[in-house]
Amino acid sequence: MATQEQLLAALAGVTDPNTGKDFVSTKAVRNVHVEGGDVSFDVELGYPAKSQVPALRKALVAAAKSAPGVSNVSVNITTKVTPHAVQRGVQLMPNVKNIIAVASGKGGVGKSTTAANLALALAAEGASVGVLDADIYGPSQPMMLGISRRPESDDGKTMEPLENHGVQVMSIGFLVNQDEAMIWRGPMATQALEQLLRQTNWKDLDYLIVDMPPGTGDIQLTLSQRVPMTGAVIVTTPQDIALIDARKAVTMFEKVGVPILGVIENMAVHVCSNCGHAEHIFGEGGGKRYAQEKGIDYLGALPLAMQIREQADSGKPTVVADPDSEAAGIYRSVARQVAIKIASKAKDFSSKFPTITVSKST
């Protein structure tokens, strides 16, 4: 019969396809029990991977059965997303473990579409996800996520997030009429945004995706200084003029201590729906070259496709409208890379620290 050591040695032969490491050395294998030919163990992942669980289970069962005398294998694969370190001096928010900023230096590069699809991809993998539409002057998420209701408030001070497609959402677009322009100066817009973030009753989120306004002005700087961000994802097109502004967004986050999780190249190639001819309308590989130059992860390239635009406009982004499409697969791959990158970062232990109170002795 197999010993626990023999079983662990067999399981060490299974490599996590996402990290390239085995589950034993990373201490993901837990609660190992060996009774004769029956073995059971748990595997705890630090990132959501619902779609990969069947293949992982199959590989782990096969490895366990290669140990001497093992005939029956029970494996329980779970995900536990934990809070990770943010900028120095900024406290984590209650009920929100990790905040991911999706940013670009300029508008019109598909940032909001990317943010919505990343959120939906993380939710599809089993995570609890929220979206904060931080673009006060041009909120897009109400339309993209198909929500037109107003948020409710039970106490007159805080708001309940609205939900669709399994994602919690908050936007200034829920609170004003569609045609109404937000003619606010920077400090007013910034205060409104902080209220949207902090006075929303987010419900135990693993990830909050913040769809940042374009640019590197007052609102963006205040957000990146005051909001506890785990990291930022930069969206750009391959075009040089877009990359100029993407570089500025990267610089802003670096200056305030927010790690860059990676670069997404949007509208990278257009494939003609009639003849199939592929054309790089906005240039080729600019985002990839910039990522290599800066030593930033290149998360992937998305096509310039009519379906992506139509699906976002209809309130059912690609990941939910056509989950088996190539574009949805790219969004899922990008979301998985972001979650894995976050899982590898230093954890935040502030909640574990004791609270010290100083009282005057009498």
Protein backbone atom coordinates (compact mmCIF):
# COMPACT_ATOMS: atom_id res chain seq x y z
CA MET A 1 0.00 0.00 0.00
CA ALA A 2 1.13 3.55 -0.73
CA THR A 3 2.45 5.76 2.02
CA GLN A 4 1.58 9.45 2.20
CA GLU A 5 5.09 10.27 1.01
CA GLN A 6 4.70 8.00 -2.04
CA LEU A 7 1.35 9.57 -2.87
CA LEU A 8 2.77 13.11 -2.61
CA ALA A 9 5.74 12.09 -4.78
CA ALA A 10 3.30 10.84 -7.43
CA LEU A 11 1.18 14.00 -7.24
CA ALA A 12 4.32 16.16 -7.57
CA GLY A 13 4.48 14.93 -11.16
CA VAL A 14 1.36 16.93 -12.05
CA THR A 15 2.17 20.46 -13.18
CA ASP A 16 -0.28 23.34 -12.96
CA PRO A 17 -0.63 24.38 -16.64
CA ASN A 18 -1.12 27.99 -15.56
CA THR A 19 1.89 28.46 -13.30
CA GLY A 20 4.26 25.73 -14.50
CA LYS A 21 4.71 24.55 -10.90
CA ASP A 22 3.54 21.34 -9.25
CA PHE A 23 0.74 21.37 -6.70
CA VAL A 24 2.78 19.73 -3.91
CA SER A 25 5.71 22.19 -3.73
CA THR A 26 3.28 25.13 -3.83
CA LYS A 27 1.36 23.59 -0.90
CA ALA A 28 -1.87 23.49 -2.91
CA VAL A 29 -2.36 19.82 -1.95
CA ARG A 30 -3.95 19.56 1.50
CA ASN A 31 -5.78 17.18 3.84
CA VAL A 32 -4.19 14.04 2.44
CA HIS A 33 -5.69 10.77 3.77
CA VAL A 34 -4.47 7.29 2.86
CA GLU A 35 -6.43 4.24 3.99
CA GLY A 36 -5.30 1.09 2.23
CA GLY A 37 -6.12 1.53 -1.45
CA ASP A 38 -8.36 4.52 -0.81
CA VAL A 39 -6.86 8.02 -0.91
CA SER A 40 -8.41 11.45 -0.68
CA PHE A 41 -6.98 14.95 -0.80
CA ASP A 42 -7.91 18.56 -1.50
CA VAL A 43 -6.31 20.95 -3.99
CA GLU A 44 -6.78 24.65 -3.28
CA LEU A 45 -6.15 27.06 -6.16
CA GLY A 46 -5.49 30.76 -5.59
CA TYR A 47 -7.33 31.79 -8.75
CA PRO A 48 -10.70 30.90 -10.35
CA ALA A 49 -10.43 28.05 -12.90
CA LYS A 50 -13.85 26.43 -13.16
CA SER A 51 -13.37 25.46 -16.81
CA GLN A 52 -10.06 23.71 -16.08
CA VAL A 53 -11.20 21.68 -13.07
CA PRO A 54 -12.27 18.51 -14.99
CA ALA A 55 -8.90 18.21 -16.77
CA LEU A 56 -6.99 18.94 -13.53
CA ARG A 57 -9.00 16.35 -11.64
CA LYS A 58 -8.34 13.74 -14.33
CA ALA A 59 -4.58 14.40 -14.23
CA LEU A 60 -4.46 14.29 -10.41
CA VAL A 61 -6.49 11.05 -10.21
CA ALA A 62 -4.21 9.40 -12.80
CA ALA A 63 -1.11 10.50 -10.88
CA ALA A 64 -2.51 9.24 -7.55
CA LYS A 65 -3.35 5.86 -9.07
CA SER A 66 0.26 5.51 -10.21
CA ALA A 67 1.28 5.22 -6.54
CA PRO A 68 1.57 1.58 -5.37
CA GLY A 69 -1.70 -0.06 -4.29
CA VAL A 70 -3.96 2.97 -4.87
CA SER A 71 -7.31 1.97 -6.39
CA ASN A 72 -9.84 4.64 -5.35
CA VAL A 73 -9.11 8.38 -5.47
CA SER A 74 -11.25 11.24 -4.19
CA VAL A 75 -10.01 14.75 -4.99
CA ASN A 76 -11.77 17.99 -4.11
CA ILE A 77 -10.58 21.03 -6.10
CA THR A 78 -11.52 24.44 -4.69
CA THR A 79 -10.57 28.06 -5.26
CA LYS A 80 -9.71 30.53 -2.51
CA VAL A 81 -9.01 34.07 -3.69
CA THR A 82 -7.27 36.11 -1.00
CA PRO A 83 -6.62 39.86 -0.66
CA HIS A 84 -3.23 40.89 -2.04
CA ALA A 85 -0.92 43.79 -1.32
CA VAL A 86 -1.86 47.26 -2.57
CA GLN A 87 -0.16 50.68 -2.59
CA ARG A 88 1.65 51.56 0.61
CA GLY A 89 -0.46 53.53 3.07
CA VAL A 90 -3.82 52.65 1.46
CA GLN A 91 -6.22 50.41 3.41
CA LEU A 92 -8.20 47.59 1.84
CA MET A 93 -11.94 48.00 1.44
CA PRO A 94 -14.33 45.74 3.34
CA ASN A 95 -15.94 43.01 1.20
CA VAL A 96 -13.55 43.65 -1.73
CA LYS A 97 -10.45 41.45 -1.87
CA ASN A 98 -8.73 42.71 -5.01
CA ILE A 99 -9.28 45.82 -7.14
CA ILE A 100 -8.09 45.77 -10.76
CA ALA A 101 -7.94 49.01 -12.74
CA VAL A 102 -8.52 48.68 -16.48
CA ALA A 103 -6.97 51.80 -17.98
CA SER A 104 -5.77 53.44 -21.17
CA GLY A 105 -4.06 56.73 -21.78
CA LYS A 106 -6.73 57.74 -24.29
CA GLY A 107 -10.32 57.02 -25.22
CA GLY A 108 -11.56 54.97 -28.14
CA VAL A 109 -9.30 51.94 -27.71
CA GLY A 110 -11.99 49.58 -26.39
CA LYS A 111 -11.17 49.86 -22.69
CA SER A 112 -14.77 49.60 -21.45
CA THR A 113 -15.54 46.63 -23.70
CA THR A 114 -12.40 44.91 -22.42
CA ALA A 115 -13.27 45.69 -18.77
CA ALA A 116 -16.79 44.25 -19.15
CA ASN A 117 -15.56 41.08 -20.84
CA LEU A 118 -12.75 40.55 -18.29
CA ALA A 119 -15.27 40.82 -15.46
CA LEU A 120 -17.62 38.34 -17.15
CA ALA A 121 -14.74 35.95 -17.88
CA LEU A 122 -13.63 35.94 -14.22
CA ALA A 123 -17.25 35.37 -13.14
CA ALA A 124 -17.60 32.49 -15.63
CA GLU A 125 -14.56 30.86 -13.99
CA GLY A 126 -16.33 30.93 -10.64
CA ALA A 127 -15.17 34.20 -9.05
CA SER A 128 -17.35 36.78 -7.29
CA VAL A 129 -16.89 39.89 -9.46
CA GLY A 130 -17.99 43.52 -9.48
CA VAL A 131 -17.58 46.36 -11.99
CA LEU A 132 -17.21 50.01 -11.01
CA ASP A 133 -17.77 52.34 -13.95
CA ALA A 134 -15.31 55.11 -13.03
CA ASP A 135 -15.92 57.14 -16.18
CA ILE A 136 -18.10 59.88 -14.65
CA TYR A 137 -18.32 61.91 -17.88
CA GLY A 138 -18.99 59.00 -20.24
CA PRO A 139 -20.35 55.93 -18.40
CA SER A 140 -20.57 52.90 -20.72
CA GLN A 141 -21.18 49.95 -18.43
CA PRO A 142 -24.98 50.38 -18.00
CA MET A 143 -25.44 49.82 -21.74
CA MET A 144 -22.70 47.21 -22.10
CA LEU A 145 -23.94 45.09 -19.22
CA GLY A 146 -27.61 45.58 -20.08
CA ILE A 147 -28.76 47.39 -16.92
CA SER A 148 -31.10 50.40 -16.92
CA ARG A 149 -32.54 50.33 -13.39
CA ARG A 150 -31.73 52.66 -10.49
CA PRO A 151 -29.92 51.30 -7.42
CA GLU A 152 -31.89 50.90 -4.19
CA SER A 153 -30.89 52.21 -0.78
CA ASP A 154 -32.20 50.66 2.44
CA ASP A 155 -30.68 53.24 4.79
CA GLY A 156 -30.50 56.37 2.63
CA LYS A 157 -26.70 56.34 2.93
CA THR A 158 -25.49 53.33 1.00
CA MET A 159 -26.57 51.73 -2.29
CA GLU A 160 -27.10 48.16 -3.39
CA PRO A 161 -25.13 47.24 -6.52
CA LEU A 162 -27.18 46.25 -9.55
CA GLU A 163 -26.56 42.83 -11.08
CA ASN A 164 -26.64 41.20 -14.49
CA HIS A 165 -24.86 38.23 -16.05
CA GLY A 166 -23.70 37.26 -12.53
CA VAL A 167 -21.71 40.49 -12.02
CA GLN A 168 -22.33 43.31 -9.49
CA VAL A 169 -22.24 46.76 -11.10
CA MET A 170 -22.24 50.42 -10.03
CA SER A 171 -22.14 53.46 -12.33
CA ILE A 172 -23.09 57.14 -12.30
CA GLY A 173 -25.07 56.18 -15.39
CA PHE A 174 -27.65 54.49 -13.11
CA LEU A 175 -28.27 57.77 -11.27
CA VAL A 176 -28.66 60.29 -14.10
CA ASN A 177 -30.69 60.41 -17.29
CA GLN A 178 -28.97 59.03 -20.38
CA ASP A 179 -28.86 62.40 -22.16
CA GLU A 180 -27.73 64.36 -19.10
CA ALA A 181 -24.17 65.70 -19.22
CA MET A 182 -22.08 65.65 -16.03
CA ILE A 183 -20.82 69.26 -16.15
CA TRP A 184 -18.62 68.88 -13.06
CA ARG A 185 -15.17 70.09 -12.20
CA GLY A 186 -12.54 67.54 -11.20
CA PRO A 187 -13.02 67.64 -7.39
CA MET A 188 -16.80 67.12 -7.70
CA ALA A 189 -16.37 64.20 -10.10
CA THR A 190 -13.69 62.67 -7.86
CA GLN A 191 -15.90 62.92 -4.77
CA ALA A 192 -18.84 61.39 -6.63
CA LEU A 193 -16.64 58.53 -7.74
CA GLU A 194 -15.34 57.85 -4.24
CA GLN A 195 -18.93 57.75 -3.02
CA LEU A 196 -19.88 55.28 -5.75
CA LEU A 197 -16.96 53.08 -4.71
CA ARG A 198 -17.23 53.27 -0.94
CA GLN A 199 -20.98 53.67 -0.42
CA THR A 200 -21.91 50.67 -2.53
CA ASN A 201 -22.66 47.51 -0.55
CA TRP A 202 -20.39 45.22 -2.57
CA LYS A 203 -21.09 41.61 -1.61
CA ASP A 204 -17.90 39.71 -0.83
CA LEU A 205 -16.05 40.38 -4.09
CA ASP A 206 -12.97 38.42 -5.12
CA TYR A 207 -12.29 41.03 -7.80
CA LEU A 208 -13.63 44.53 -8.46
CA ILE A 209 -12.89 45.67 -12.01
CA VAL A 210 -12.62 49.47 -12.22
CA ASP A 211 -13.30 50.80 -15.73
CA MET A 212 -11.06 53.88 -15.49
CA PRO A 213 -11.74 57.11 -17.39
CA PRO A 214 -9.24 57.76 -20.20
CA GLY A 215 -6.24 59.97 -19.55
CA THR A 216 -3.98 60.74 -16.58
CA GLY A 217 -5.70 63.76 -15.05
CA ASP A 218 -7.10 64.68 -11.67
CA ILE A 219 -9.67 61.87 -11.38
CA GLN A 220 -7.27 59.15 -12.50
CA LEU A 221 -4.51 60.34 -10.17
CA THR A 222 -6.83 60.61 -7.16
CA LEU A 223 -8.23 57.14 -7.83
CA SER A 224 -4.79 55.58 -8.13
CA GLN A 225 -3.67 57.27 -4.89
CA ARG A 226 -6.72 56.63 -2.71
CA VAL A 227 -8.23 53.40 -4.00
CA PRO A 228 -6.49 50.20 -2.82
CA MET A 229 -5.48 48.73 -6.19
CA THR A 230 -3.97 45.29 -6.55
CA GLY A 231 -2.84 46.12 -10.06
CA ALA A 232 -3.68 47.71 -13.39
CA VAL A 233 -4.31 46.33 -16.86
CA ILE A 234 -3.43 48.66 -19.74
CA VAL A 235 -5.51 48.54 -22.94
CA THR A 236 -4.03 49.94 -26.15
CA THR A 237 -4.23 49.51 -29.90
CA PRO A 238 -1.06 48.73 -31.91
CA GLN A 239 -1.11 52.30 -33.27
CA ASP A 240 1.82 54.50 -32.24
CA ILE A 241 -0.47 57.39 -31.30
CA ALA A 242 -2.36 55.13 -28.84
CA LEU A 243 0.88 53.74 -27.43
CA ILE A 244 2.13 57.25 -26.63
CA ASP A 245 -0.78 57.65 -24.22
CA ALA A 246 -0.60 54.08 -22.93
CA ARG A 247 2.98 54.80 -21.86
CA LYS A 248 1.71 57.78 -19.84
CA ALA A 249 -0.87 55.60 -18.08
CA VAL A 250 1.85 53.09 -17.18
CA THR A 251 4.07 55.88 -15.83
CA MET A 252 1.23 57.25 -13.68
CA PHE A 253 0.56 53.87 -12.05
CA GLU A 254 4.27 53.27 -11.50
CA LYS A 255 4.65 56.62 -9.74
CA VAL A 256 1.88 55.83 -7.24
CA GLY A 257 3.04 52.24 -6.65
CA VAL A 258 0.30 50.33 -8.50
CA PRO A 259 1.78 47.25 -10.24
CA ILE A 260 1.08 46.78 -13.97
CA LEU A 261 -0.47 43.34 -14.45
CA GLY A 262 -0.09 43.44 -18.22
CA VAL A 263 -0.91 45.01 -21.57
CA ILE A 264 -3.84 44.04 -23.82
CA GLU A 265 -3.61 44.92 -27.49
CA ASN A 266 -7.10 45.68 -28.80
CA MET A 267 -8.22 45.94 -32.46
CA ALA A 268 -4.98 44.17 -33.40
CA VAL A 269 -6.21 42.71 -36.68
CA HIS A 270 -9.32 42.99 -38.85
CA VAL A 271 -10.50 39.91 -40.73
CA CYS A 272 -12.89 40.69 -43.59
CA SER A 273 -16.21 38.94 -43.00
CA ASN A 274 -16.64 38.48 -46.80
CA CYS A 275 -13.27 37.27 -48.06
CA GLY A 276 -11.35 36.42 -44.86
CA HIS A 277 -8.48 38.78 -45.67
CA ALA A 278 -6.59 39.83 -42.50
CA GLU A 279 -5.46 43.43 -42.31
CA HIS A 280 -3.62 45.26 -39.52
CA ILE A 281 -5.54 48.53 -39.77
CA PHE A 282 -3.89 50.13 -36.71
CA GLY A 283 -0.43 48.69 -37.29
CA GLU A 284 1.04 45.44 -36.07
CA GLY A 285 2.56 44.37 -32.76
CA GLY A 286 3.04 47.83 -31.23
CA GLY A 287 1.61 46.78 -27.87
CA LYS A 288 3.67 43.60 -27.82
CA ARG A 289 6.91 45.47 -28.55
CA TYR A 290 6.14 48.04 -25.84
CA ALA A 291 5.42 45.28 -23.30
CA GLN A 292 8.73 43.59 -24.11
CA GLU A 293 10.56 46.90 -23.91
CA LYS A 294 9.11 47.65 -20.45
CA GLY A 295 9.31 44.07 -19.15
CA ILE A 296 5.52 43.98 -18.72
CA ASP A 297 3.41 40.88 -19.40
CA TYR A 298 1.74 40.87 -22.81
CA LEU A 299 -1.69 39.41 -22.06
CA GLY A 300 -3.00 38.96 -25.60
CA ALA A 301 -4.42 40.55 -28.74
CA LEU A 302 -8.07 40.98 -29.65
CA PRO A 303 -9.37 41.45 -33.19
CA LEU A 304 -11.27 44.43 -34.58
CA ALA A 305 -14.54 42.54 -35.03
CA MET A 306 -18.06 43.75 -35.68
CA GLN A 307 -19.51 41.06 -33.40
CA ILE A 308 -17.60 42.34 -30.36
CA ARG A 309 -18.99 45.84 -30.93
CA GLU A 310 -22.54 44.62 -31.63
CA GLN A 311 -22.58 42.35 -28.58
CA ALA A 312 -21.33 45.13 -26.27
CA ASP A 313 -23.92 47.56 -27.64
CA SER A 314 -26.70 45.02 -27.08
CA GLY A 315 -25.92 44.59 -23.36
CA LYS A 316 -24.55 41.05 -23.78
CA PRO A 317 -20.77 41.25 -24.22
CA THR A 318 -18.92 38.55 -26.14
CA VAL A 319 -18.10 36.30 -23.17
CA VAL A 320 -21.82 35.75 -22.45
CA ALA A 321 -23.23 36.30 -25.97
CA ASP A 322 -20.90 33.84 -27.72
CA PRO A 323 -18.89 31.98 -25.06
CA ASP A 324 -17.44 29.47 -27.55
CA SER A 325 -16.11 32.11 -29.95
CA GLU A 326 -12.42 32.78 -30.50
CA ALA A 327 -12.74 36.28 -29.02
CA ALA A 328 -14.41 34.96 -25.85
CA GLY A 329 -11.56 32.45 -25.52
CA ILE A 330 -9.03 35.29 -25.71
CA TYR A 331 -10.89 37.27 -23.04
CA ARG A 332 -10.94 34.18 -20.79
CA SER A 333 -7.22 33.62 -21.35
CA VAL A 334 -6.47 37.26 -20.46
CA ALA A 335 -8.68 37.07 -17.34
CA ARG A 336 -6.97 33.85 -16.23
CA GLN A 337 -3.51 35.38 -16.66
CA VAL A 338 -4.56 38.42 -14.61
CA ALA A 339 -5.97 36.23 -11.81
CA ILE A 340 -2.85 34.04 -11.77
CA LYS A 341 -0.58 37.09 -11.70
CA ILE A 342 -2.55 38.45 -8.71
CA ALA A 343 -2.42 35.05 -6.94
CA SER A 344 1.39 35.08 -7.20
CA LYS A 345 1.65 38.53 -5.59
CA ALA A 346 2.30 39.14 -1.91
CA LYS A 347 -0.80 38.62 0.23
CA ASP A 348 -2.23 41.38 2.41
CA PHE A 349 -2.05 40.39 6.09
CA SER A 350 -3.39 43.61 7.59
CA SER A 351 -6.61 41.89 8.67
CA LYS A 352 -4.50 39.44 10.70
CA PHE A 353 -2.70 42.17 12.64
CA PRO A 354 -3.90 42.83 16.19
CA THR A 355 -5.46 46.18 17.00
CA ILE A 356 -3.46 48.04 19.63
CA THR A 357 -5.28 50.45 21.90
CA VAL A 358 -3.53 52.70 24.39
CA SER A 359 -5.51 53.50 27.50
CA LYS A 360 -4.57 55.76 30.37
CA SER A 361 -4.01 53.77 33.54
CA THR A 362 -5.53 55.05 36.76
